[in-house]
Amino acid sequence: MSTITESRIQTGHDIRPFRVDIPQAEIDDLRRRIRATRWPAKEIVADASQGVQLDVVQELARYWADQHDWRTVEARLNSFPQFVTEIDGVDIHFLHVRSPHPGALPMIVTHGWPGSVIEQLKIVELLADPTAHGGSAEDAFSLVIPSLPGHGFSGTPTDGGWDPVRIARAWAELMQRLGYDRYVAQGGDWGNAVTEQMALQTPPGLIGIHTNMAATVPDAIQTALTNGDQPPADLDPEERGAWDQLAFFYAHGLAYAQEMGNRPQTLYALEDSPVGLAAWMLDHDSRSYELIARVFRGGSEGLSRDDILDNVSLYWFTKTAVSSARLYWESKLPFFAPKGVTLPVAVSVFPDEIYAAPRSWAAEAYPNLIHFNRLDRGGHFAAWEQPELFAQEMRAAFRSLR
């Protein structure tokens, strides 16, 4: 990390250095709770149609209790400059890594659920110091990577209204507070919702956005999916593929979002059982679960066992299972519908995303589409699963705005 420079804090701003240091007693308690898990009966089907499978979670628990080392990811987090600043009454935690290359483009990157800043750790050096990783100095970024309110090391809101619209305003304030008067924004999942709201608010300095989970579904398609209609006959192969993915997700993949959107406070068990929390987080989308199941059955994938448990452990230690779920309750935005963004937009489509946005829908949703690319591998957690591909996309996506 010697090539990555520390953030320079301006006096007069309430920006405080932050360091992760989980007490050993909490780590010991986590292991005790994992070992004391009361297991349910095994599923009665041979696939994942009833939910996260018992053999996967039991192997996850065995590895978590006996082999996972939180101190390794804690040291990784602490190798980057981290800070906390209060915005609109809530402490916002963020990584702030300035590139060593003059003229680097500032970029704020926002995670989603069940993600965290751990998703972005693999891309920091790739983007901030591209010359050390196969890129050129002209492609360098200075990175701001915040934890969403109620997530990770950010504070938990004590009042209502912390939806993507309000978070977008807070992110603009954060970038202004850090002294950036020209920057871009990136996000997937909730990160996309926040990033698109930033684009709609057009804060001074924001010149373009990138999304790896674009909101492009036309109204007619959304209505047909909601009504259970047959797909329109005139869909091209890309559009039909997106239809099939969305139809599957709406039929089989929305249980977690419906519960968190309607009754987030009911999820007490997630704050009390680490294995319950892990199973809940694994059941986000079918492609991600299939990947994770292969990993805990001995496979080698874009994510490792440690990657997965680093992230679940962060939710456990920060006690943010319920507070993070409230974002689903707060937001009233239609998740996949176009929002009318007119700023320059770049789109990267990873094939195992919840749905792979077709170029035709993206061009209609984003009239100022400056980059569109379909990748051959990767899924919902793109920066985490495929950091090299993701970094290449960021370099290409914003080259025309430098």
Protein backbone atom coordinates (compact mmCIF):
# COMPACT_ATOMS: atom_id res chain seq x y z
CA MET A 1 0.00 0.00 0.00
CA SER A 2 3.00 2.30 -0.09
CA THR A 3 1.86 3.88 -3.36
CA ILE A 4 -1.53 4.90 -1.96
CA THR A 5 -1.46 8.19 -0.11
CA GLU A 6 -3.38 9.10 3.02
CA SER A 7 -6.32 11.49 2.80
CA ARG A 8 -5.51 15.05 3.79
CA ILE A 9 -8.01 16.24 6.36
CA GLN A 10 -8.90 19.92 6.26
CA THR A 11 -9.10 21.50 9.68
CA GLY A 12 -12.55 22.82 10.49
CA HIS A 13 -14.33 19.77 9.07
CA ASP A 14 -15.62 17.17 11.50
CA ILE A 15 -13.88 14.27 9.78
CA ARG A 16 -12.42 11.81 12.27
CA PRO A 17 -9.97 9.02 11.56
CA PHE A 18 -11.47 5.57 12.09
CA ARG A 19 -9.94 2.19 12.81
CA VAL A 20 -11.63 -1.21 13.15
CA ASP A 21 -10.83 -3.02 16.39
CA ILE A 22 -13.30 -5.72 17.38
CA PRO A 23 -12.73 -6.87 20.99
CA GLN A 24 -11.48 -10.44 21.27
CA ALA A 25 -14.37 -11.22 23.63
CA GLU A 26 -16.83 -10.55 20.79
CA ILE A 27 -14.93 -12.87 18.45
CA ASP A 28 -14.93 -15.59 21.10
CA ASP A 29 -18.66 -15.06 21.69
CA LEU A 30 -19.36 -15.37 17.96
CA ARG A 31 -17.60 -18.74 17.82
CA ARG A 32 -19.47 -19.93 20.90
CA ARG A 33 -22.81 -18.98 19.37
CA ILE A 34 -21.97 -20.71 16.08
CA ARG A 35 -21.08 -23.93 17.88
CA ALA A 36 -24.29 -23.75 19.92
CA THR A 37 -26.54 -23.53 16.83
CA ARG A 38 -29.78 -25.46 17.07
CA TRP A 39 -30.20 -27.00 13.62
CA PRO A 40 -33.49 -27.43 11.75
CA ALA A 41 -34.54 -30.60 9.94
CA LYS A 42 -32.96 -31.11 6.54
CA GLU A 43 -34.89 -29.91 3.51
CA ILE A 44 -37.03 -32.60 1.87
CA VAL A 45 -36.05 -31.76 -1.71
CA ALA A 46 -32.83 -32.38 -3.63
CA ASP A 47 -32.34 -28.75 -4.67
CA ALA A 48 -32.53 -25.24 -3.19
CA SER A 49 -36.24 -24.74 -3.92
CA GLN A 50 -37.04 -24.74 -0.17
CA GLY A 51 -34.24 -22.32 0.62
CA VAL A 52 -30.63 -22.38 1.78
CA GLN A 53 -29.61 -26.02 2.14
CA LEU A 54 -28.57 -27.58 5.43
CA ASP A 55 -25.28 -29.07 4.24
CA VAL A 56 -24.14 -25.69 2.90
CA VAL A 57 -24.88 -23.85 6.16
CA GLN A 58 -23.41 -26.59 8.35
CA GLU A 59 -20.14 -26.46 6.41
CA LEU A 60 -20.23 -22.65 6.57
CA ALA A 61 -20.66 -22.87 10.36
CA ARG A 62 -17.86 -25.39 10.76
CA TYR A 63 -15.44 -23.21 8.80
CA TRP A 64 -16.62 -20.01 10.52
CA ALA A 65 -16.11 -21.40 14.02
CA ASP A 66 -12.84 -23.23 13.38
CA GLN A 67 -10.93 -21.59 10.53
CA HIS A 68 -12.15 -18.11 9.62
CA ASP A 69 -9.89 -15.34 10.92
CA TRP A 70 -11.62 -11.97 11.38
CA ARG A 71 -8.31 -10.32 12.20
CA THR A 72 -7.15 -10.83 8.60
CA VAL A 73 -9.96 -8.78 7.07
CA GLU A 74 -9.77 -6.32 9.96
CA ALA A 75 -6.13 -5.69 9.07
CA ARG A 76 -7.08 -5.34 5.42
CA LEU A 77 -9.69 -2.70 6.26
CA ASN A 78 -7.21 -0.87 8.46
CA SER A 79 -4.62 -0.81 5.67
CA PHE A 80 -6.78 1.82 3.96
CA PRO A 81 -7.50 5.32 5.29
CA GLN A 82 -10.91 5.25 7.00
CA PHE A 83 -12.92 8.09 8.47
CA VAL A 84 -16.24 9.02 10.04
CA THR A 85 -18.12 12.28 9.60
CA GLU A 86 -21.59 13.30 10.79
CA ILE A 87 -24.01 14.21 8.01
CA ASP A 88 -27.65 15.07 8.72
CA GLY A 89 -27.38 13.68 12.23
CA VAL A 90 -25.84 10.30 11.31
CA ASP A 91 -22.19 9.26 11.46
CA ILE A 92 -21.06 8.13 8.01
CA HIS A 93 -18.09 5.76 7.80
CA PHE A 94 -16.04 5.76 4.62
CA LEU A 95 -12.78 4.71 3.06
CA HIS A 96 -10.95 7.56 1.34
CA VAL A 97 -8.03 6.57 -0.85
CA ARG A 98 -6.33 9.23 -2.93
CA SER A 99 -4.50 8.02 -6.00
CA PRO A 100 -0.76 8.75 -6.21
CA HIS A 101 -1.31 9.87 -9.83
CA PRO A 102 -1.97 13.57 -10.50
CA GLY A 103 -5.30 14.27 -12.15
CA ALA A 104 -6.97 11.10 -10.87
CA LEU A 105 -10.77 11.17 -11.26
CA PRO A 106 -12.61 11.11 -7.91
CA MET A 107 -15.31 8.43 -7.66
CA ILE A 108 -17.77 7.61 -4.88
CA VAL A 109 -18.69 3.90 -4.86
CA THR A 110 -21.77 2.64 -3.01
CA HIS A 111 -22.46 -0.93 -1.90
CA GLY A 112 -25.85 -2.61 -1.52
CA TRP A 113 -27.49 -5.28 0.66
CA PRO A 114 -26.31 -7.76 1.85
CA GLY A 115 -23.03 -6.11 0.97
CA SER A 116 -20.67 -3.69 2.65
CA VAL A 117 -17.44 -1.84 1.96
CA ILE A 118 -15.80 -5.28 2.01
CA GLU A 119 -17.24 -5.73 -1.51
CA GLN A 120 -14.97 -2.98 -2.80
CA LEU A 121 -11.68 -3.82 -1.07
CA LYS A 122 -10.37 -5.81 -4.04
CA ILE A 123 -10.78 -2.90 -6.48
CA VAL A 124 -9.15 -0.13 -4.44
CA GLU A 125 -5.55 -0.65 -5.53
CA LEU A 126 -6.57 -1.64 -9.07
CA LEU A 127 -8.29 1.70 -9.55
CA ALA A 128 -6.19 4.01 -7.41
CA ASP A 129 -2.83 2.79 -8.73
CA PRO A 130 -3.53 1.38 -12.21
CA THR A 131 0.11 1.47 -13.36
CA ALA A 132 0.86 -1.26 -10.82
CA HIS A 133 -1.96 -3.40 -12.20
CA GLY A 134 -1.83 -3.27 -15.99
CA GLY A 135 -3.44 0.14 -16.50
CA SER A 136 -2.18 3.63 -17.25
CA ALA A 137 -1.88 6.65 -15.00
CA GLU A 138 -4.55 8.41 -17.08
CA ASP A 139 -7.09 5.84 -15.81
CA ALA A 140 -6.49 6.49 -12.10
CA PHE A 141 -9.28 7.13 -9.59
CA SER A 142 -9.33 8.57 -6.10
CA LEU A 143 -11.93 6.60 -4.20
CA VAL A 144 -14.56 7.41 -1.59
CA ILE A 145 -16.32 4.24 -0.40
CA PRO A 146 -18.97 4.91 2.28
CA SER A 147 -20.99 2.53 4.40
CA LEU A 148 -24.72 3.11 3.94
CA PRO A 149 -26.52 4.50 7.01
CA GLY A 150 -27.52 1.61 9.25
CA HIS A 151 -24.91 -0.61 7.62
CA GLY A 152 -21.41 -1.57 8.71
CA PHE A 153 -19.53 1.07 10.66
CA SER A 154 -21.89 3.94 9.82
CA GLY A 155 -24.34 5.11 12.44
CA THR A 156 -27.90 3.85 12.74
CA PRO A 157 -30.54 6.50 11.95
CA THR A 158 -32.89 7.21 14.83
CA ASP A 159 -35.48 9.00 12.68
CA GLY A 160 -37.30 8.02 9.53
CA GLY A 161 -36.68 9.13 5.99
CA TRP A 162 -33.27 7.64 5.28
CA ASP A 163 -34.18 6.41 1.80
CA PRO A 164 -31.97 6.50 -1.32
CA VAL A 165 -33.03 10.10 -2.01
CA ARG A 166 -31.78 11.31 1.38
CA ILE A 167 -28.65 9.16 1.18
CA ALA A 168 -27.88 10.67 -2.24
CA ARG A 169 -27.99 14.16 -0.71
CA ALA A 170 -25.68 12.99 2.07
CA TRP A 171 -23.21 11.56 -0.46
CA ALA A 172 -23.12 14.88 -2.32
CA GLU A 173 -22.41 16.62 0.98
CA LEU A 174 -19.65 14.12 1.70
CA MET A 175 -17.95 14.75 -1.65
CA GLN A 176 -18.22 18.51 -1.13
CA ARG A 177 -16.84 18.19 2.38
CA LEU A 178 -13.86 16.28 1.00
CA GLY A 179 -13.17 19.10 -1.45
CA TYR A 180 -14.17 17.39 -4.69
CA ASP A 181 -15.67 19.74 -7.27
CA ARG A 182 -15.64 17.24 -10.17
CA TYR A 183 -16.37 13.55 -9.68
CA VAL A 184 -18.30 10.46 -10.80
CA ALA A 185 -20.44 7.96 -8.88
CA GLN A 186 -20.84 4.19 -9.10
CA GLY A 187 -23.17 1.63 -7.58
CA GLY A 188 -25.05 -1.65 -7.83
CA ASP A 189 -28.06 -2.93 -5.88
CA TRP A 190 -28.97 -0.17 -3.37
CA GLY A 191 -25.80 1.51 -4.56
CA ASN A 192 -27.42 1.94 -7.96
CA ALA A 193 -30.57 3.39 -6.39
CA VAL A 194 -28.50 5.94 -4.47
CA THR A 195 -26.27 6.71 -7.45
CA GLU A 196 -29.23 7.30 -9.78
CA GLN A 197 -30.80 9.63 -7.22
CA MET A 198 -27.54 11.57 -7.11
CA ALA A 199 -27.73 11.90 -10.90
CA LEU A 200 -31.31 13.15 -10.67
CA GLN A 201 -30.37 15.72 -8.00
CA THR A 202 -27.43 16.92 -10.16
CA PRO A 203 -25.26 18.17 -7.29
CA PRO A 204 -22.44 20.50 -8.31
CA GLY A 205 -19.47 18.46 -9.46
CA LEU A 206 -21.18 15.19 -10.42
CA ILE A 207 -20.41 14.62 -14.11
CA GLY A 208 -21.56 11.03 -14.70
CA ILE A 209 -22.46 7.69 -13.16
CA HIS A 210 -21.84 3.98 -13.67
CA THR A 211 -24.11 1.11 -12.73
CA ASN A 212 -23.62 -2.65 -12.67
CA MET A 213 -27.33 -3.23 -11.94
CA ALA A 214 -29.13 -0.87 -14.26
CA ALA A 215 -32.77 0.20 -13.74
CA THR A 216 -34.10 -0.15 -17.28
CA VAL A 217 -37.30 -2.26 -17.27
CA PRO A 218 -39.93 -0.54 -19.49
CA ASP A 219 -43.35 0.12 -17.96
CA ALA A 220 -45.09 -2.28 -20.33
CA ILE A 221 -42.70 -5.09 -19.43
CA GLN A 222 -43.07 -4.40 -15.70
CA THR A 223 -46.87 -4.44 -16.00
CA ALA A 224 -46.84 -7.72 -17.90
CA LEU A 225 -44.51 -9.32 -15.35
CA THR A 226 -46.63 -8.10 -12.44
CA ASN A 227 -49.81 -9.42 -14.04
CA GLY A 228 -48.29 -12.80 -14.83
CA ASP A 229 -48.77 -12.27 -18.57
CA GLN A 230 -46.90 -14.08 -21.31
CA PRO A 231 -43.80 -12.29 -22.69
CA PRO A 232 -44.46 -10.00 -25.65
CA ALA A 233 -43.85 -11.73 -28.96
CA ASP A 234 -41.55 -9.01 -30.29
CA LEU A 235 -38.79 -9.32 -27.68
CA ASP A 236 -35.33 -9.84 -29.15
CA PRO A 237 -33.06 -12.55 -27.63
CA GLU A 238 -31.43 -10.14 -25.13
CA GLU A 239 -34.81 -8.80 -24.05
CA ARG A 240 -36.30 -12.31 -23.74
CA GLY A 241 -33.35 -13.36 -21.59
CA ALA A 242 -33.96 -10.40 -19.28
CA TRP A 243 -37.69 -11.24 -19.17
CA ASP A 244 -36.96 -14.83 -18.13
CA GLN A 245 -34.55 -13.71 -15.38
CA LEU A 246 -37.02 -11.17 -14.02
CA ALA A 247 -39.94 -13.60 -14.15
CA PHE A 248 -37.92 -16.11 -12.11
CA PHE A 249 -36.85 -13.46 -9.60
CA TYR A 250 -40.38 -12.15 -9.07
CA ALA A 251 -41.70 -15.69 -8.63
CA HIS A 252 -38.94 -17.10 -6.42
CA GLY A 253 -36.53 -14.43 -5.24
CA LEU A 254 -38.41 -11.67 -3.45
CA ALA A 255 -39.16 -13.24 -0.06
CA TYR A 256 -36.35 -11.49 1.79
CA ALA A 257 -37.16 -8.10 0.24
CA GLN A 258 -40.86 -8.43 1.06
CA GLU A 259 -40.18 -9.22 4.72
CA MET A 260 -37.62 -6.45 5.14
CA GLY A 261 -39.82 -4.02 3.23
CA ASN A 262 -42.87 -4.74 5.36
CA ARG A 263 -41.65 -5.87 8.80
CA PRO A 264 -37.92 -5.27 9.29
CA GLN A 265 -38.16 -5.00 13.06
CA THR A 266 -39.49 -8.58 13.22
CA LEU A 267 -36.08 -9.97 12.28
CA TYR A 268 -34.79 -10.26 15.86
CA ALA A 269 -33.40 -13.73 15.18
CA LEU A 270 -30.81 -12.24 12.82
CA GLU A 271 -29.32 -10.23 15.70
CA ASP A 272 -29.25 -13.27 18.00
CA SER A 273 -28.09 -16.15 15.78
CA PRO A 274 -24.99 -15.77 13.58
CA VAL A 275 -25.94 -18.85 11.56
CA GLY A 276 -29.44 -17.47 11.08
CA LEU A 277 -27.94 -14.20 9.87
CA ALA A 278 -25.63 -16.01 7.45
CA ALA A 279 -28.45 -18.10 5.97
CA TRP A 280 -30.62 -14.99 5.52
CA MET A 281 -27.80 -13.17 3.73
CA LEU A 282 -26.97 -16.15 1.49
CA ASP A 283 -30.54 -16.27 0.17
CA HIS A 284 -30.31 -12.97 -1.72
CA ASP A 285 -30.46 -14.18 -5.33
CA SER A 286 -30.29 -17.62 -6.88
CA ARG A 287 -27.09 -17.18 -8.91
CA SER A 288 -25.16 -15.79 -5.95
CA TYR A 289 -26.42 -18.60 -3.74
CA GLU A 290 -25.42 -21.22 -6.31
CA LEU A 291 -21.92 -19.75 -6.36
CA ILE A 292 -21.68 -19.68 -2.55
CA ALA A 293 -23.03 -23.23 -2.26
CA ARG A 294 -20.33 -24.45 -4.66
CA VAL A 295 -17.68 -22.68 -2.58
CA PHE A 296 -18.74 -24.35 0.66
CA ARG A 297 -18.94 -27.70 -1.12
CA GLY A 298 -15.29 -27.37 -2.10
CA GLY A 299 -15.43 -25.43 -5.35
CA SER A 300 -13.24 -22.54 -6.44
CA GLU A 301 -15.13 -19.43 -7.48
CA GLY A 302 -14.84 -15.65 -7.69
CA LEU A 303 -15.60 -15.54 -3.96
CA SER A 304 -13.83 -17.58 -1.29
CA ARG A 305 -15.19 -18.93 1.99
CA ASP A 306 -13.29 -16.18 3.77
CA ASP A 307 -14.76 -13.48 1.49
CA ILE A 308 -18.28 -14.58 2.34
CA LEU A 309 -17.66 -14.87 6.07
CA ASP A 310 -15.74 -11.58 6.22
CA ASN A 311 -18.92 -9.86 5.11
CA VAL A 312 -21.32 -11.80 7.33
CA SER A 313 -19.00 -11.21 10.29
CA LEU A 314 -19.04 -7.47 9.65
CA TYR A 315 -22.86 -7.47 9.86
CA TRP A 316 -22.64 -9.53 13.07
CA PHE A 317 -20.04 -7.41 14.85
CA THR A 318 -21.70 -4.12 13.87
CA LYS A 319 -25.18 -5.39 14.90
CA THR A 320 -26.71 -4.05 11.69
CA ALA A 321 -28.96 -6.90 10.54
CA VAL A 322 -32.18 -5.06 11.44
CA SER A 323 -30.99 -1.48 10.86
CA SER A 324 -29.81 -2.39 7.33
CA ALA A 325 -33.13 -4.10 6.60
CA ARG A 326 -34.95 -0.81 7.25
CA LEU A 327 -33.70 0.61 3.95
CA TYR A 328 -36.20 -1.72 2.23
CA TRP A 329 -38.94 -0.28 4.46
CA GLU A 330 -37.84 3.32 3.86
CA SER A 331 -37.54 3.21 0.08
CA LYS A 332 -40.63 3.76 -2.06
CA LEU A 333 -38.75 3.72 -5.36
CA PRO A 334 -39.60 1.14 -8.03
CA PHE A 335 -36.35 -0.76 -8.09
CA PHE A 336 -35.94 -1.67 -11.77
CA ALA A 337 -37.95 1.16 -13.40
CA PRO A 338 -36.17 3.91 -15.36
CA LYS A 339 -35.93 7.14 -13.35
CA GLY A 340 -35.26 9.67 -16.11
CA VAL A 341 -31.52 10.10 -15.58
CA THR A 342 -30.09 12.51 -18.16
CA LEU A 343 -26.50 12.76 -16.94
CA PRO A 344 -23.92 10.59 -18.75
CA VAL A 345 -24.44 6.97 -17.72
CA ALA A 346 -22.20 3.92 -18.19
CA VAL A 347 -23.61 0.40 -17.87
CA SER A 348 -21.78 -2.87 -17.33
CA VAL A 349 -23.88 -6.03 -17.62
CA PHE A 350 -22.68 -9.10 -15.75
CA PRO A 351 -24.47 -12.28 -16.91
CA ASP A 352 -25.39 -13.66 -13.48
CA GLU A 353 -26.94 -10.44 -12.21
CA ILE A 354 -30.60 -10.58 -11.09
CA TYR A 355 -31.32 -9.56 -14.66
CA ALA A 356 -28.96 -8.71 -17.50
CA ALA A 357 -30.16 -5.37 -18.88
CA PRO A 358 -30.52 -5.43 -22.68
CA ARG A 359 -28.83 -2.69 -24.66
CA SER A 360 -32.18 -1.59 -26.12
CA TRP A 361 -33.70 -1.03 -22.66
CA ALA A 362 -30.54 0.72 -21.42
CA ALA A 363 -30.48 3.10 -24.37
CA GLU A 364 -34.12 4.03 -23.70
CA ALA A 365 -33.65 4.42 -19.94
CA TYR A 366 -30.43 6.44 -20.24
CA PRO A 367 -30.56 8.83 -23.22
CA ASN A 368 -26.98 9.90 -22.48
CA LEU A 369 -25.52 6.37 -22.51
CA ILE A 370 -21.74 6.73 -22.85
CA HIS A 371 -20.71 3.10 -22.32
CA PHE A 372 -22.45 -0.28 -22.51
CA ASN A 373 -20.72 -3.63 -22.24
CA ARG A 374 -21.83 -7.20 -21.61
CA LEU A 375 -19.28 -9.24 -19.68
CA ASP A 376 -18.82 -12.99 -20.02
CA ARG A 377 -18.74 -13.76 -16.30
CA GLY A 378 -19.68 -12.26 -12.96
CA GLY A 379 -22.85 -11.68 -11.01
CA HIS A 380 -24.56 -9.45 -8.48
CA PHE A 381 -21.43 -8.68 -6.43
CA ALA A 382 -19.37 -7.74 -9.46
CA ALA A 383 -16.53 -5.79 -7.83
CA TRP A 384 -16.13 -8.53 -5.21
CA GLU A 385 -16.39 -11.49 -7.60
CA GLN A 386 -14.56 -10.13 -10.63
CA PRO A 387 -12.38 -7.22 -9.48
CA GLU A 388 -10.11 -7.17 -12.53
CA LEU A 389 -13.02 -7.10 -14.97
CA PHE A 390 -14.76 -4.49 -12.84
CA ALA A 391 -11.67 -2.28 -12.79
CA GLN A 392 -11.35 -2.55 -16.56
CA GLU A 393 -14.97 -1.49 -16.89
CA MET A 394 -14.47 1.56 -14.68
CA ARG A 395 -11.49 2.66 -16.74
CA ALA A 396 -13.41 2.28 -20.01
CA ALA A 397 -16.67 3.67 -18.66
CA PHE A 398 -15.37 7.08 -17.65
CA ARG A 399 -12.54 7.59 -20.13
CA SER A 400 -14.63 9.97 -22.22
CA LEU A 401 -15.36 12.18 -19.18
CA ARG A 402 -11.77 12.81 -18.11
